[in-house]
């Protein structure tokens, strides 16, 4: 009898082990469904829409043309609802469906998270620190303010400019902030001591735009005195003076991502210089309205220009020949700013005078999502991980918009790793 019992023990242990594994699997599936249900609840609170026209999975012979014109939130909700029901099925097209939901609906669908009353006047610009933990904002109240994202409160106020502060950016290493003002100066601030370390003088009219070079060694500035100037960060000395034939008032400057070119924009004209030679490589007039902002494509192949209610994409591969590739027309008022998502050649975000923030797929030429605020939106920036948008408004506030992914999954590291692994499946 004892021998029989002993002979049966391994089978009991094996049965217990199998039962334990099934329990673990059941718990994991229930947790996953719980996360999906939380997402469904989040979607019920949102009023914005989504329009994605075509998605393609590389590792499959099929091209999925669903998610066509998903303009209403309830349609997104239905998709998530069916995803919840099918989440336990682990084969066939459902896996591809899961991947597409993870990649497109959750990653690129934003909702308003917080509003902060920071300035006492019109906010003119916002920018993320390279590590994504801080925001720098500028205002017509003559101040620069640093906001701590994790703590959700103001960290520092930088005072020094005697007039409206128009623009400010962190250096690529995050150690310096460069700001510019209507007081005709550019100022450099140490981000450890929060003290002013240099004042760059040379412009004789309002400085409207400032930007670090990709290597952080130089700064470009654009002024209403009609010049673009390049400065050495270490010495504070002016290195180069760039002037157009018409000496137009420059209110926007941008280095190309490779640092070889610099673009300056006036109200109606675009000028591109070679940084090393100072030679004008291209120059043209923009006839669609006042130019607000310019942005190079990450691969330097094209440029995005926003003017009035139109976003235009210009080819730069043959830089001497003006060639428009695409125009994105918004029904909104004047578009004030445009930015590319990090490591993404196809998705941009823009903001307008009507308080709208729009996400666009520039490859397909379609609007992905529209967010709405009550007041005029002046500028917008994107966190380094692409999960948070920060916008600034004429009422002295900044707004944080988080992806549905971040708000629902920010504590689930395993899901984030899964999405990272799946990202290679998509032509984006």
Protein backbone atom coordinates (compact mmCIF):
# COMPACT_ATOMS: atom_id res chain seq x y z
CA UNK A 1 0.00 0.00 0.00
CA UNK A 2 2.75 2.43 0.98
CA UNK A 3 4.58 1.60 -2.23
CA UNK A 4 1.47 2.36 -4.27
CA UNK A 5 1.05 5.73 -2.57
CA UNK A 6 4.70 6.59 -3.12
CA UNK A 7 4.39 5.63 -6.76
CA UNK A 8 1.50 8.03 -7.13
CA UNK A 9 3.16 11.02 -5.49
CA UNK A 10 5.00 12.22 -8.65
CA UNK A 11 1.68 12.30 -10.49
CA UNK A 12 0.12 14.36 -7.69
CA UNK A 13 3.03 16.78 -7.72
CA UNK A 14 2.78 17.10 -11.50
CA UNK A 15 -0.97 17.71 -11.25
CA UNK A 16 -0.41 20.38 -8.54
CA UNK A 17 2.25 22.06 -10.66
CA UNK A 18 -0.04 22.09 -13.68
CA UNK A 19 -2.89 23.49 -11.62
CA UNK A 20 -0.63 26.20 -10.22
CA UNK A 21 0.50 27.21 -13.72
CA UNK A 22 -3.13 27.40 -14.86
CA UNK A 23 -3.98 29.56 -11.86
CA UNK A 24 -1.07 31.88 -12.66
CA UNK A 25 -2.20 32.10 -16.27
CA UNK A 26 -5.78 32.82 -15.20
CA UNK A 27 -4.61 35.55 -12.80
CA UNK A 28 -2.43 37.10 -15.52
CA UNK A 29 -5.32 37.07 -18.01
CA UNK A 30 -7.67 38.65 -15.46
CA UNK A 31 -5.11 41.36 -14.70
CA UNK A 32 -4.70 42.03 -18.42
CA UNK A 33 -8.46 42.29 -18.88
CA UNK A 34 -8.61 44.60 -15.89
CA UNK A 35 -6.14 46.94 -17.57
CA UNK A 36 -8.21 46.89 -20.77
CA UNK A 37 -11.39 47.66 -18.85
CA UNK A 38 -9.61 50.63 -17.24
CA UNK A 39 -8.78 51.86 -20.72
CA UNK A 40 -12.41 51.52 -21.73
CA UNK A 41 -13.39 53.71 -18.77
CA UNK A 42 -10.78 56.28 -19.80
CA UNK A 43 -12.24 56.36 -23.32
CA UNK A 44 -15.72 57.06 -22.00
CA UNK A 45 -14.40 60.33 -20.55
CA UNK A 46 -12.93 61.60 -23.79
CA UNK A 47 -14.56 63.71 -26.48
CA UNK A 48 -11.85 63.69 -29.09
CA UNK A 49 -11.74 61.60 -32.27
CA UNK A 50 -9.28 59.56 -34.26
CA UNK A 51 -8.85 59.06 -37.98
CA UNK A 52 -6.38 56.45 -39.19
CA UNK A 53 -6.78 55.45 -42.82
CA UNK A 54 -4.28 52.65 -43.36
CA UNK A 55 -2.13 50.39 -41.21
CA UNK A 56 0.25 47.74 -42.53
CA UNK A 57 1.84 44.84 -40.67
CA UNK A 58 5.22 43.88 -42.15
CA UNK A 59 5.31 40.30 -40.91
CA UNK A 60 1.95 39.42 -42.46
CA UNK A 61 0.88 39.12 -46.09
CA UNK A 62 -2.33 40.98 -45.41
CA UNK A 63 -2.84 44.74 -45.31
CA UNK A 64 -5.51 45.73 -42.85
CA UNK A 65 -7.77 48.52 -44.00
CA UNK A 66 -9.91 48.64 -40.90
CA UNK A 67 -9.86 51.54 -38.43
CA UNK A 68 -11.04 53.57 -41.43
CA UNK A 69 -12.42 56.97 -40.48
CA UNK A 70 -12.83 56.21 -36.75
CA UNK A 71 -13.98 59.74 -36.05
CA UNK A 72 -16.12 59.24 -32.97
CA UNK A 73 -14.97 58.10 -29.58
CA UNK A 74 -17.72 55.50 -29.34
CA UNK A 75 -16.24 53.75 -32.37
CA UNK A 76 -12.88 53.57 -30.59
CA UNK A 77 -14.73 52.29 -27.54
CA UNK A 78 -16.30 49.51 -29.60
CA UNK A 79 -12.87 48.48 -30.83
CA UNK A 80 -11.55 48.32 -27.27
CA UNK A 81 -14.70 46.46 -26.20
CA UNK A 82 -14.11 43.73 -28.77
CA UNK A 83 -10.42 43.72 -27.90
CA UNK A 84 -11.34 42.98 -24.27
CA UNK A 85 -13.53 40.08 -25.38
CA UNK A 86 -10.88 38.64 -27.67
CA UNK A 87 -7.84 39.29 -25.52
CA UNK A 88 -7.60 35.66 -24.38
CA UNK A 89 -7.42 34.33 -27.95
CA UNK A 90 -3.76 33.84 -28.86
CA UNK A 91 -3.77 33.04 -32.57
CA UNK A 92 -4.49 34.35 -36.05
CA UNK A 93 -5.51 37.88 -36.90
CA UNK A 94 -6.38 38.69 -33.27
CA UNK A 95 -2.69 38.93 -32.42
CA UNK A 96 -2.24 41.46 -35.23
CA UNK A 97 -5.31 43.31 -33.99
CA UNK A 98 -3.79 43.48 -30.49
CA UNK A 99 -0.56 44.87 -31.89
CA UNK A 100 -2.37 47.55 -33.88
CA UNK A 101 -4.45 48.62 -30.88
CA UNK A 102 -1.34 48.85 -28.70
CA UNK A 103 0.63 50.76 -31.29
CA UNK A 104 -1.90 53.18 -32.73
CA UNK A 105 -4.86 53.67 -30.42
CA UNK A 106 -3.10 53.76 -27.06
CA UNK A 107 0.21 55.30 -28.10
CA UNK A 108 -1.17 58.19 -30.16
CA UNK A 109 -4.42 58.98 -28.37
CA UNK A 110 -4.07 61.86 -25.91
CA UNK A 111 -6.25 63.25 -23.15
CA UNK A 112 -5.95 66.35 -20.96
CA UNK A 113 -4.16 65.46 -17.74
CA UNK A 114 -3.49 68.73 -15.87
CA UNK A 115 -3.67 72.50 -16.25
CA UNK A 116 -1.20 74.73 -14.41
CA UNK A 117 -1.60 78.48 -13.89
CA UNK A 118 2.05 79.46 -14.06
CA UNK A 119 2.41 82.95 -15.54
CA UNK A 120 0.55 86.20 -15.00
CA UNK A 121 0.56 86.98 -18.72
CA UNK A 122 0.60 85.39 -22.17
CA UNK A 123 2.90 82.29 -22.26
CA UNK A 124 5.13 82.52 -25.34
CA UNK A 125 6.94 79.14 -25.41
CA UNK A 126 7.42 75.78 -23.69
CA UNK A 127 10.16 73.16 -23.94
CA UNK A 128 10.98 69.84 -22.26
CA UNK A 129 14.31 69.08 -20.64
CA UNK A 130 16.24 66.27 -22.40
CA UNK A 131 15.38 63.80 -19.62
CA UNK A 132 11.69 64.75 -19.71
CA UNK A 133 11.43 65.66 -16.02
CA UNK A 134 11.19 69.46 -16.36
CA UNK A 135 9.52 72.08 -18.51
CA UNK A 136 10.80 75.58 -19.20
CA UNK A 137 8.23 78.24 -20.10
CA UNK A 138 8.56 81.89 -21.11
CA UNK A 139 6.09 84.72 -20.86
CA UNK A 140 5.25 88.33 -21.51
CA UNK A 141 5.45 88.74 -17.72
CA UNK A 142 9.28 88.93 -18.26
CA UNK A 143 9.95 85.65 -16.43
CA UNK A 144 11.21 82.16 -17.21
CA UNK A 145 9.70 79.40 -15.10
CA UNK A 146 10.80 75.83 -14.53
CA UNK A 147 8.16 73.23 -13.80
CA UNK A 148 8.89 69.85 -12.21
CA UNK A 149 6.78 67.22 -13.99
CA UNK A 150 7.12 64.49 -11.36
CA UNK A 151 6.29 66.76 -8.42
CA UNK A 152 3.67 68.72 -10.35
CA UNK A 153 4.88 72.07 -9.08
CA UNK A 154 7.03 75.06 -9.98
CA UNK A 155 10.73 74.48 -9.28
CA UNK A 156 12.32 77.83 -10.16
CA UNK A 157 11.64 81.32 -11.45
CA UNK A 158 14.42 82.90 -13.51
CA UNK A 159 14.38 86.69 -13.46
CA UNK A 160 16.74 88.87 -15.47
CA UNK A 161 15.12 89.96 -18.71
CA UNK A 162 13.64 93.45 -18.61
CA UNK A 163 10.96 92.80 -21.24
CA UNK A 164 8.84 90.00 -22.69
CA UNK A 165 10.69 86.67 -22.88
CA UNK A 166 9.94 85.11 -26.26
CA UNK A 167 11.68 81.74 -26.34
CA UNK A 168 13.81 79.38 -24.22
CA UNK A 169 15.35 75.93 -24.69
CA UNK A 170 17.44 73.43 -22.77
CA UNK A 171 20.85 72.51 -24.16
CA UNK A 172 21.15 68.91 -25.44
CA UNK A 173 22.91 67.87 -22.21
CA UNK A 174 20.35 69.72 -20.06
CA UNK A 175 22.97 71.82 -18.24
CA UNK A 176 22.09 75.22 -19.76
CA UNK A 177 18.96 77.11 -20.72
CA UNK A 178 19.14 79.77 -23.44
CA UNK A 179 16.46 82.47 -23.47
CA UNK A 180 15.75 85.50 -25.65
CA UNK A 181 13.72 88.63 -25.12
CA UNK A 182 12.32 91.88 -26.42
CA UNK A 183 15.13 93.52 -24.41
CA UNK A 184 17.41 92.56 -27.40
CA UNK A 185 19.45 90.05 -25.37
CA UNK A 186 20.06 86.32 -25.14
CA UNK A 187 20.80 84.95 -21.68
CA UNK A 188 22.32 81.66 -20.58
CA UNK A 189 21.29 80.04 -17.30
CA UNK A 190 22.96 77.23 -15.34
CA UNK A 191 20.38 74.52 -14.55
CA UNK A 192 22.17 73.39 -11.38
CA UNK A 193 22.51 76.75 -9.65
CA UNK A 194 19.71 78.44 -11.65
CA UNK A 195 21.95 81.50 -11.98
CA UNK A 196 22.49 83.60 -15.09
CA UNK A 197 25.96 82.77 -16.45
CA UNK A 198 26.16 84.85 -19.65
CA UNK A 199 24.41 87.64 -21.48
CA UNK A 200 24.83 87.70 -25.26
CA UNK A 201 24.51 91.14 -26.82
CA UNK A 202 24.66 92.18 -30.46
CA UNK A 203 21.10 92.37 -31.73
CA UNK A 204 19.65 95.86 -31.87
CA UNK A 205 15.98 94.83 -31.88
CA UNK A 206 13.75 92.21 -30.23
CA UNK A 207 15.14 88.66 -30.29
CA UNK A 208 12.25 86.35 -31.12
CA UNK A 209 13.82 82.91 -31.42
CA UNK A 210 16.78 80.99 -30.02
CA UNK A 211 17.99 77.41 -30.51
CA UNK A 212 20.96 75.24 -29.59
CA UNK A 213 22.90 73.42 -32.28
CA UNK A 214 22.58 69.61 -32.11
CA UNK A 215 26.03 69.30 -30.49
CA UNK A 216 25.20 72.03 -27.95
CA UNK A 217 28.29 74.11 -28.76
CA UNK A 218 26.52 76.94 -30.58
CA UNK A 219 23.32 78.96 -30.36
CA UNK A 220 21.37 80.51 -33.22
CA UNK A 221 19.16 83.55 -32.68
CA UNK A 222 16.68 85.37 -34.90
CA UNK A 223 15.76 89.01 -34.42
CA UNK A 224 13.52 91.75 -35.74
CA UNK A 225 16.76 93.55 -36.70
CA UNK A 226 16.72 91.29 -39.79
CA UNK A 227 19.64 89.06 -38.79
CA UNK A 228 20.32 85.51 -37.71
CA UNK A 229 23.38 85.24 -35.47
CA UNK A 230 25.38 82.22 -34.36
CA UNK A 231 27.05 82.34 -30.96
CA UNK A 232 29.65 80.25 -29.16
CA UNK A 233 28.13 78.89 -25.94
CA UNK A 234 31.41 78.56 -24.05
CA UNK A 235 32.77 82.06 -24.72
CA UNK A 236 29.53 83.89 -25.41
CA UNK A 237 31.09 85.43 -28.52
CA UNK A 238 29.23 86.03 -31.78
CA UNK A 239 30.67 83.70 -34.44
CA UNK A 240 28.63 84.43 -37.56
CA UNK A 241 26.17 86.98 -38.87
CA UNK A 242 23.64 85.79 -41.46
CA UNK A 243 21.67 88.35 -43.45
CA UNK A 244 19.08 88.02 -46.21
CA UNK A 245 18.98 90.20 -49.30
CA UNK A 246 15.89 91.99 -48.02
CA UNK A 247 16.94 92.11 -44.34
CA UNK A 248 13.55 90.71 -43.31
CA UNK A 249 12.59 90.63 -39.65
CA UNK A 250 13.52 87.15 -38.42
CA UNK A 251 11.18 85.63 -35.88
CA UNK A 252 12.05 81.93 -36.15
CA UNK A 253 15.33 80.00 -36.49
CA UNK A 254 16.00 76.28 -36.70
CA UNK A 255 19.14 74.15 -37.01
CA UNK A 256 18.87 71.04 -39.18
CA UNK A 257 19.21 67.82 -37.12
CA UNK A 258 22.68 67.21 -38.59
CA UNK A 259 23.77 70.78 -37.75
CA UNK A 260 24.88 71.59 -41.31
CA UNK A 261 22.05 73.96 -42.20
CA UNK A 262 20.19 76.72 -40.45
CA UNK A 263 16.82 78.06 -41.50
CA UNK A 264 15.42 81.49 -40.73
CA UNK A 265 11.85 82.62 -41.29
CA UNK A 266 10.33 86.06 -41.55
CA UNK A 267 6.64 86.69 -42.02
CA UNK A 268 6.74 85.79 -45.71
CA UNK A 269 10.19 84.42 -46.59
CA UNK A 270 12.21 81.29 -45.84
CA UNK A 271 16.02 81.36 -46.03
CA UNK A 272 18.35 78.38 -45.59
CA UNK A 273 22.08 78.90 -45.02
CA UNK A 274 25.04 76.57 -44.95
CA UNK A 275 26.34 77.00 -41.40
CA UNK A 276 30.01 76.59 -42.29
CA UNK A 277 30.20 78.79 -45.39
CA UNK A 278 27.32 81.17 -44.51
CA UNK A 279 26.18 80.79 -48.12
CA UNK A 280 22.45 81.05 -48.84
CA UNK A 281 21.44 77.60 -50.09
CA UNK A 282 17.78 78.34 -50.74
CA UNK A 283 15.39 81.24 -50.44
CA UNK A 284 11.72 81.49 -51.31
CA UNK A 285 8.55 83.39 -50.54
CA UNK A 286 5.68 81.71 -48.75
CA UNK A 287 2.44 83.03 -50.26
CA UNK A 288 -0.10 81.27 -48.06
CA UNK A 289 0.15 83.75 -45.16
CA UNK A 290 2.39 84.79 -42.29
CA UNK A 291 4.92 82.10 -41.39
CA UNK A 292 4.66 81.09 -37.75
CA UNK A 293 7.10 78.18 -37.27
CA UNK A 294 9.48 75.95 -39.22
CA UNK A 295 10.71 72.44 -38.49
CA UNK A 296 13.17 70.16 -40.29
CA UNK A 297 12.26 66.51 -40.83
CA UNK A 298 14.43 64.29 -38.58
CA UNK A 299 16.27 62.96 -41.66
CA UNK A 300 16.74 66.49 -43.10
CA UNK A 301 14.94 65.44 -46.31
CA UNK A 302 12.09 67.92 -45.96
CA UNK A 303 10.81 70.86 -43.97
CA UNK A 304 7.47 71.61 -42.32
CA UNK A 305 6.22 75.21 -42.39
CA UNK A 306 3.05 76.43 -40.72
CA UNK A 307 1.41 79.62 -41.93
CA UNK A 308 -2.16 80.71 -41.32
CA UNK A 309 -4.33 77.56 -41.44
CA UNK A 310 -1.99 75.51 -43.67
CA UNK A 311 0.93 73.21 -42.86
CA UNK A 312 3.17 72.80 -45.90
CA UNK A 313 5.86 70.19 -46.46
CA UNK A 314 8.75 71.19 -48.73
CA UNK A 315 11.29 68.85 -50.30
CA UNK A 316 14.91 69.65 -49.42
CA UNK A 317 16.62 66.81 -51.28
CA UNK A 318 17.20 69.18 -54.17
CA UNK A 319 17.58 72.23 -51.98
CA UNK A 320 17.97 74.76 -54.80
CA UNK A 321 14.64 73.74 -56.37
CA UNK A 322 11.47 74.67 -54.55
CA UNK A 323 9.15 71.65 -54.47
CA UNK A 324 6.06 71.33 -52.30
CA UNK A 325 5.32 67.74 -51.35
CA UNK A 326 2.10 68.11 -49.41
CA UNK A 327 -0.23 70.63 -47.78
CA UNK A 328 -2.25 69.82 -44.65
CA UNK A 329 -5.23 72.11 -44.42
CA UNK A 330 -6.80 72.73 -41.05
CA UNK A 331 -10.26 74.17 -40.55
CA UNK A 332 -8.82 75.98 -37.55
CA UNK A 333 -7.51 79.53 -37.36
CA UNK A 334 -3.82 80.49 -37.58
CA UNK A 335 -1.49 77.58 -36.74
CA UNK A 336 1.10 78.84 -34.27
CA UNK A 337 3.50 75.93 -33.81
CA UNK A 338 4.43 72.52 -35.19
CA UNK A 339 6.67 69.74 -33.83
CA UNK A 340 7.73 66.23 -34.83
CA UNK A 341 7.31 63.32 -32.45
CA UNK A 342 10.66 61.91 -31.26
CA UNK A 343 12.06 59.21 -33.56
CA UNK A 344 9.02 59.51 -35.81
CA UNK A 345 9.21 60.77 -39.39
CA UNK A 346 5.46 60.65 -39.95
CA UNK A 347 3.67 62.20 -36.97
CA UNK A 348 3.54 65.90 -36.12
CA UNK A 349 1.55 67.97 -33.68
CA UNK A 350 0.32 71.52 -34.29
CA UNK A 351 -1.58 74.13 -32.28
CA UNK A 352 -3.77 77.06 -33.25
CA UNK A 353 -5.40 80.32 -32.21
CA UNK A 354 -8.72 78.56 -31.65
CA UNK A 355 -7.29 76.44 -28.83
CA UNK A 356 -6.96 73.28 -30.91
CA UNK A 357 -4.07 70.83 -30.87
CA UNK A 358 -3.98 68.51 -33.87
CA UNK A 359 -1.99 65.35 -34.49
CA UNK A 360 -1.22 64.59 -38.13
CA UNK A 361 0.10 61.65 -40.11
CA UNK A 362 2.16 63.53 -42.70
CA UNK A 363 2.72 60.40 -44.80
CA UNK A 364 -1.00 59.78 -45.27
CA UNK A 365 -1.92 63.47 -45.07
CA UNK A 366 -4.65 62.93 -42.48
CA UNK A 367 -5.52 64.30 -39.06
CA UNK A 368 -5.15 61.62 -36.37
CA UNK A 369 -6.69 63.44 -33.41
CA UNK A 370 -7.88 66.87 -32.35
CA UNK A 371 -7.60 68.12 -28.76
CA UNK A 372 -9.37 71.23 -27.54
CA UNK A 373 -8.60 73.94 -24.99
CA UNK A 374 -10.64 77.04 -24.18
CA UNK A 375 -8.02 79.66 -25.07
CA UNK A 376 -5.54 80.47 -27.81
CA UNK A 377 -2.67 77.92 -27.87
CA UNK A 378 0.67 79.59 -28.60
CA UNK A 379 3.13 76.70 -28.52
CA UNK A 380 3.40 72.96 -28.07
CA UNK A 381 6.22 70.56 -27.21
CA UNK A 382 6.60 66.78 -26.88
CA UNK A 383 8.33 64.78 -24.16
CA UNK A 384 11.39 62.75 -25.22
CA UNK A 385 9.43 59.48 -24.86
CA UNK A 386 6.52 60.85 -26.94
CA UNK A 387 3.94 60.11 -24.24
CA UNK A 388 3.24 63.67 -23.06
CA UNK A 389 2.36 66.89 -24.84
CA UNK A 390 2.70 70.26 -23.16
CA UNK A 391 0.99 73.30 -24.62
CA UNK A 392 1.01 76.93 -23.53
CA UNK A 393 -1.80 79.43 -23.81
CA UNK A 394 -2.59 83.12 -23.90
CA UNK A 395 -4.28 82.88 -20.48
CA UNK A 396 -0.98 82.24 -18.65
CA UNK A 397 -1.47 78.48 -18.31
CA UNK A 398 0.32 75.39 -19.55
CA UNK A 399 -1.55 72.16 -20.24
CA UNK A 400 -0.32 68.57 -19.91
CA UNK A 401 -1.81 66.00 -22.27
CA UNK A 402 -0.95 62.33 -21.71
CA UNK A 403 -1.40 59.35 -23.98
CA UNK A 404 -4.08 56.90 -22.99
CA UNK A 405 -1.21 54.44 -22.81
CA UNK A 406 0.65 56.47 -20.20
CA UNK A 407 -2.36 57.27 -18.05
CA UNK A 408 -3.46 53.62 -17.94
CA UNK A 409 -0.17 51.72 -18.10
CA UNK A 410 2.52 53.91 -16.62
CA UNK A 411 3.01 51.46 -13.76
CA UNK A 412 3.12 48.39 -16.02
CA UNK A 413 6.70 48.04 -17.22
CA UNK A 414 6.10 44.66 -18.86
CA UNK A 415 3.48 46.07 -21.22
CA UNK A 416 5.87 48.87 -22.18
CA UNK A 417 8.59 46.33 -23.01
CA UNK A 418 6.09 44.38 -25.09
CA UNK A 419 5.17 47.45 -27.10
CA UNK A 420 8.84 48.24 -27.67
CA UNK A 421 9.35 44.75 -29.09
CA UNK A 422 6.28 45.07 -31.31
CA UNK A 423 7.25 48.47 -32.72
CA UNK A 424 9.50 46.88 -35.34
CA UNK A 425 6.46 45.31 -36.99
CA UNK A 426 5.16 48.61 -38.34
CA UNK A 427 6.01 50.86 -41.24
CA UNK A 428 5.85 54.14 -39.32
